[in-house]
Protein backbone atom coordinates (compact mmCIF):
# COMPACT_ATOMS: atom_id res chain seq x y z
CA MET A 1 -14.10 38.77 -25.36
CA LYS A 2 -13.83 35.21 -24.03
CA TYR A 3 -11.00 34.56 -26.50
CA ILE A 4 -9.10 37.62 -25.26
CA GLU A 5 -9.62 36.59 -21.63
CA GLY A 6 -8.35 33.10 -22.46
CA VAL A 7 -5.20 34.48 -24.08
CA GLN A 8 -4.60 36.75 -21.09
CA LYS A 9 -4.86 33.79 -18.71
CA ILE A 10 -2.38 31.79 -20.78
CA GLU A 11 0.06 34.71 -20.85
CA SER A 12 -0.31 35.14 -17.07
CA ALA A 13 0.45 31.45 -16.57
CA LYS A 14 3.49 31.69 -18.84
CA GLU A 15 4.74 34.69 -16.91
CA LEU A 16 4.30 32.81 -13.63
CA ILE A 17 6.40 29.94 -15.02
CA ARG A 18 9.12 32.37 -16.12
CA GLU A 19 9.10 34.06 -12.71
CA ILE A 20 9.47 30.75 -10.90
CA GLU A 21 12.30 29.77 -13.24
CA ARG A 22 14.11 33.06 -12.57
CA ASN A 23 13.72 33.05 -8.79
CA GLY A 24 13.86 29.36 -7.94
CA ASN A 25 16.70 27.39 -6.41
CA TYR A 26 17.43 24.59 -8.88
CA ASN A 27 20.31 22.89 -7.13
CA GLY A 28 19.83 19.19 -7.89
CA ILE A 29 16.55 19.71 -9.73
CA ASP A 30 17.95 18.42 -13.05
CA HIS A 31 18.09 14.92 -11.61
CA LEU A 32 14.69 15.02 -9.91
CA PHE A 33 12.71 13.22 -12.60
CA ALA A 34 15.38 10.56 -13.06
CA THR A 35 15.34 9.99 -9.30
CA GLU A 36 11.56 9.79 -9.35
CA GLU A 37 11.78 7.16 -12.09
CA LYS A 38 14.13 5.14 -9.86
CA LEU A 39 11.64 5.48 -7.01
CA LEU A 40 8.79 4.13 -9.14
CA ASN A 41 10.92 1.22 -10.32
CA HIS A 42 11.83 0.35 -6.73
CA LEU A 43 8.16 0.43 -5.77
CA TYR A 44 7.04 -1.73 -8.68
CA GLN A 45 9.80 -4.23 -7.83
CA LEU A 46 8.68 -4.13 -4.16
CA GLU A 47 12.11 -2.91 -3.02
CA LYS A 48 11.18 -1.21 0.23
CA GLU A 49 14.49 0.02 1.61
CA GLU A 50 15.64 1.30 -1.78
CA ALA A 51 12.33 3.13 -2.23
CA LYS A 52 12.58 4.75 1.20
CA HIS A 53 16.14 5.89 0.48
CA THR A 54 15.16 7.34 -2.90
CA ILE A 55 12.14 9.27 -1.64
CA ARG A 56 14.40 10.88 0.97
CA LEU A 57 16.57 12.19 -1.87
CA ILE A 58 13.48 13.63 -3.57
CA ILE A 59 12.28 15.28 -0.36
CA ASP A 60 15.71 16.83 0.12
CA VAL A 61 15.75 18.30 -3.40
CA ILE A 62 12.20 19.66 -3.17
CA SER A 63 12.81 21.13 0.29
CA LYS A 64 15.94 22.97 -0.88
CA HIS A 65 14.12 24.18 -3.99
CA ARG A 66 11.22 25.67 -2.05
CA GLU A 67 12.32 27.10 1.29
CA GLU A 68 8.91 28.72 1.72
CA ASN A 69 5.69 26.70 1.96
CA GLN A 70 7.65 23.46 2.10
CA GLN A 71 4.79 21.60 3.71
CA GLU A 72 2.37 22.49 0.92
CA VAL A 73 4.86 21.60 -1.81
CA ILE A 74 5.69 18.23 -0.22
CA LYS A 75 2.01 17.56 0.36
CA TYR A 76 1.11 18.02 -3.29
CA TYR A 77 4.12 16.01 -4.41
CA PHE A 78 3.00 13.09 -2.23
CA ILE A 79 -0.53 13.39 -3.65
CA THR A 80 0.84 13.36 -7.21
CA LEU A 81 3.02 10.35 -6.44
CA SER A 82 0.01 8.52 -5.02
CA SER A 83 -1.89 9.21 -8.23
CA LEU A 84 0.92 7.63 -10.24
CA ILE A 85 0.73 4.50 -8.10
CA ALA A 86 -3.07 4.43 -8.41
CA ARG A 87 -2.73 4.54 -12.20
CA ARG A 88 -0.31 1.62 -12.08
CA LEU A 89 -2.73 -0.35 -9.91
CA GLU A 90 -5.66 0.38 -12.20
CA LYS A 91 -3.70 -0.86 -15.22
CA ALA A 92 -2.47 -3.96 -13.40
CA LYS A 93 -5.57 -5.37 -11.76
CA LEU A 94 -7.75 -2.99 -9.77
CA THR A 95 -11.02 -1.58 -11.00
CA ALA A 96 -11.09 2.16 -11.62
CA ARG A 97 -13.30 2.53 -8.54
CA THR A 98 -10.83 0.71 -6.27
CA ALA A 99 -7.86 2.63 -7.68
CA PHE A 100 -9.71 5.87 -6.98
CA ALA A 101 -10.46 4.72 -3.42
CA PHE A 102 -6.74 3.98 -2.98
CA ASN A 103 -5.93 7.51 -4.13
CA VAL A 104 -8.45 9.05 -1.72
CA THR A 105 -7.03 6.95 1.11
CA CYS A 106 -3.52 8.24 0.37
CA TYR A 107 -4.81 11.81 0.30
CA THR A 108 -6.48 11.30 3.68
CA LEU A 109 -3.29 9.89 5.17
CA ILE A 110 -1.26 12.83 3.84
CA ASP A 111 -3.75 15.49 4.83
CA MET A 112 -4.22 14.16 8.37
CA ASN A 113 -0.60 13.44 9.23
CA LEU A 114 1.78 15.70 7.30
CA LYS A 115 3.43 18.39 9.47
CA GLU A 116 6.42 20.65 8.99
CA HIS A 117 8.71 18.30 10.91
CA ASN A 118 7.68 14.82 9.70
CA PHE A 119 8.11 14.68 5.90
CA VAL A 120 10.29 11.57 6.07
CA GLU A 121 8.02 9.80 8.55
CA VAL A 122 4.95 10.31 6.35
CA ALA A 123 6.97 9.31 3.27
CA ASP A 124 7.94 6.04 4.96
CA GLU A 125 4.31 5.39 5.85
CA LEU A 126 3.28 6.00 2.23
CA ILE A 127 5.99 3.64 0.96
CA GLU A 128 4.75 0.96 3.36
CA PHE A 129 1.20 1.46 2.16
CA TYR A 130 2.12 1.52 -1.53
CA LEU A 131 4.02 -1.75 -1.17
CA TYR A 132 1.23 -3.26 0.90
CA VAL A 133 -1.23 -2.71 -1.94
CA LEU A 134 1.17 -3.42 -4.81
CA ALA A 135 2.27 -6.73 -3.27
CA GLU A 136 -1.31 -7.73 -2.59
CA LYS A 137 -2.17 -7.45 -6.27
CA LYS A 138 0.50 -9.85 -7.47
CA LEU A 139 -1.08 -13.12 -8.55
CA PRO A 140 0.20 -16.31 -6.88
CA SER A 141 2.47 -18.40 -9.10
CA LEU A 142 3.16 -21.68 -7.34
CA MET A 143 3.52 -24.87 -9.34
CA HIS A 144 0.15 -26.32 -8.28
CA ASN A 145 -2.80 -24.77 -10.10
CA THR A 146 -5.42 -25.63 -7.45
CA VAL A 147 -3.29 -24.09 -4.71
CA ASN A 148 -2.88 -20.93 -6.80
CA GLN A 149 -6.65 -20.72 -7.25
CA VAL A 150 -7.25 -21.22 -3.53
CA LEU A 151 -4.72 -18.51 -2.66
CA TYR A 152 -6.40 -16.09 -5.03
CA TYR A 153 -9.86 -17.00 -3.72
CA ILE A 154 -8.82 -16.39 -0.11
CA ASP A 155 -7.13 -13.10 -0.98
CA GLU A 156 -10.23 -11.82 -2.77
CA ASP A 157 -12.82 -13.05 -0.24
CA ILE A 158 -10.92 -12.64 3.03
CA LYS A 159 -13.83 -10.82 4.69
CA SER A 160 -16.10 -13.83 4.10
CA PRO A 161 -16.46 -16.57 6.75
CA LEU A 162 -13.86 -18.91 5.21
CA THR A 163 -13.47 -22.50 6.37
CA VAL A 164 -11.43 -25.47 5.15
CA GLU A 165 -14.64 -27.38 4.51
CA GLY A 166 -16.20 -24.55 2.51
CA ILE A 167 -13.10 -24.04 0.38
CA SER A 168 -12.75 -27.79 -0.23
CA LYS A 169 -16.35 -27.93 -1.41
CA LYS A 170 -15.90 -24.96 -3.73
CA PHE A 171 -12.90 -26.53 -5.43
CA GLU A 172 -14.36 -30.04 -5.36
CA VAL A 173 -11.52 -31.70 -3.47
CA SER A 174 -11.47 -33.48 -0.13
CA THR A 175 -10.44 -31.51 2.95
CA SER A 176 -7.56 -33.90 3.62
CA HIS A 177 -6.20 -33.63 0.07
CA LEU A 178 -6.53 -29.83 -0.01
CA SER A 179 -4.89 -29.47 3.40
CA ARG A 180 -1.99 -31.67 2.30
CA ILE A 181 -1.24 -30.00 -1.04
CA PHE A 182 -1.73 -26.51 0.42
CA ARG A 183 0.87 -27.08 3.12
CA GLU A 184 3.26 -28.78 0.68
CA HIS A 185 3.27 -25.76 -1.63
CA THR A 186 2.99 -22.85 0.85
CA GLY A 187 4.72 -24.09 4.01
CA VAL A 188 1.70 -23.19 6.19
CA THR A 189 -1.66 -24.81 6.88
CA LEU A 190 -4.81 -23.51 5.23
CA ILE A 191 -6.13 -22.19 8.56
CA GLU A 192 -2.83 -20.43 9.22
CA TYR A 193 -2.94 -18.76 5.81
CA ILE A 194 -6.51 -17.57 6.34
CA ASN A 195 -5.50 -15.98 9.65
CA ILE A 196 -2.40 -14.47 8.05
CA LYS A 197 -4.47 -12.81 5.33
CA LYS A 198 -6.98 -11.55 7.90
CA VAL A 199 -4.15 -9.91 9.83
CA GLU A 200 -2.67 -8.40 6.66
CA GLU A 201 -5.97 -6.93 5.54
CA SER A 202 -7.03 -5.72 8.99
CA GLN A 203 -3.92 -3.49 9.07
CA TYR A 204 -5.54 -1.35 6.39
CA TYR A 205 -8.68 -0.79 8.48
CA LEU A 206 -6.69 -0.11 11.64
CA ARG A 207 -4.52 2.51 9.97
CA PHE A 208 -7.00 4.17 7.61
CA SER A 209 -10.43 3.92 9.20
CA SER A 210 -12.07 5.06 12.41
CA CYS A 211 -13.75 1.66 12.94
CA LYS A 212 -13.54 0.31 16.46
CA ILE A 213 -11.11 -2.57 16.91
CA ALA A 214 -13.98 -4.79 18.02
CA ASP A 215 -15.85 -3.98 14.80
CA ILE A 216 -12.77 -4.79 12.68
CA SER A 217 -12.49 -8.09 14.54
CA ASP A 218 -16.12 -8.83 13.65
CA GLN A 219 -15.62 -7.85 10.00
CA PHE A 220 -12.96 -10.54 9.66
CA HIS A 221 -14.98 -13.13 11.57
CA PHE A 222 -12.69 -13.59 14.55
CA CYS A 223 -14.61 -15.25 17.37
CA ASN A 224 -13.89 -12.28 19.67
CA GLN A 225 -11.61 -9.25 20.03
CA SER A 226 -9.23 -11.03 22.42
CA TYR A 227 -8.56 -13.76 19.86
CA PHE A 228 -8.08 -11.12 17.13
CA THR A 229 -5.54 -9.33 19.34
CA ARG A 230 -3.66 -12.57 20.04
CA ILE A 231 -3.47 -13.57 16.36
CA PHE A 232 -2.59 -10.03 15.27
CA LYS A 233 0.26 -9.82 17.79
CA LYS A 234 1.50 -13.29 16.82
CA TYR A 235 2.24 -12.15 13.27
CA THR A 236 2.98 -8.42 13.66
CA GLY A 237 4.66 -8.36 17.09
CA GLN A 238 2.28 -5.67 18.37
CA THR A 239 -1.34 -5.29 19.39
CA PRO A 240 -3.94 -3.78 17.02
CA LYS A 241 -4.18 -0.74 19.31
CA ARG A 242 -0.43 -0.10 19.20
CA PHE A 243 -0.29 -0.61 15.43
CA ARG A 244 -3.10 1.91 14.96
CA SER A 245 -1.40 4.58 17.10
CA SER A 246 2.07 4.24 15.54
CA LEU A 247 2.47 6.06 12.22
CA SER A 248 5.95 4.61 11.75
CA GLY A 249 4.88 1.00 12.27
CA THR A 250 5.71 -1.29 9.36
CA TYR A 251 3.14 -3.55 7.74
CA PHE A 252 3.28 -7.27 8.23
CA ARG A 253 3.44 -9.07 4.88
CA PHE A 254 3.61 -12.83 4.48
CA VAL A 255 5.84 -13.95 1.61
CA LEU A 256 5.09 -17.28 -0.01
CA PRO A 257 8.22 -19.45 0.07
CA THR A 258 9.83 -20.72 -3.12
CA GLU A 259 8.86 -24.20 -4.25
CA GLU A 260 12.43 -25.40 -3.60
CA ASN A 261 12.19 -24.46 0.06
CA VAL A 262 8.81 -26.08 0.58
CA LEU A 263 8.78 -29.30 -1.42
């Protein structure tokens, strides 16, 4: 009996596929997967504008294909796309637990914000978030090994109370020597870089958590919320409150300069 029921379910599924194939609008659908492959390549190469343009093409094709229930179809496409990015992250560097948390975060963003009129806006926000996480997981590759190690250490432990003295002690170099080589190879001081990374990481909590801004300030060991707001605005051009309320706001991302431009 269970075997017969199983066969019947398979046949029903096959019939549903055939019905969708007969009744669907397939204008442009032949190129959908090739376009999706381009989108993934743009994301993995951190090409933001190209990725945003390509996802618009995909949204257009899907919307024309399914005139009914567009919001649901786009929603599940975005969720599937997020799962593909999570898989890439898990293979590259993240633990399975962190990759899963990334996927859940994307689902939350999609579920809370996607409406019938804002497919492109939510897509842009997802692209910004994908690139924010993908770029963060690229290992530093400057010419000085100690500086690379310090960069990685700061990136991984940014929610710890980091100081120049503490970092110098960990890497067994003097504060003056570390400060000098760090600035030579990055173009910014060690304190500046720590603040930059705090601002970068705090964007995640502002956009995807319900934590109070004062609590986020405390998590990243700013002396007070006013100082957090001043530093955040210095690098992003907007206050934490405005960044949190604006779905279309872009993420601030510091790019390490090339060795030729620094040395």
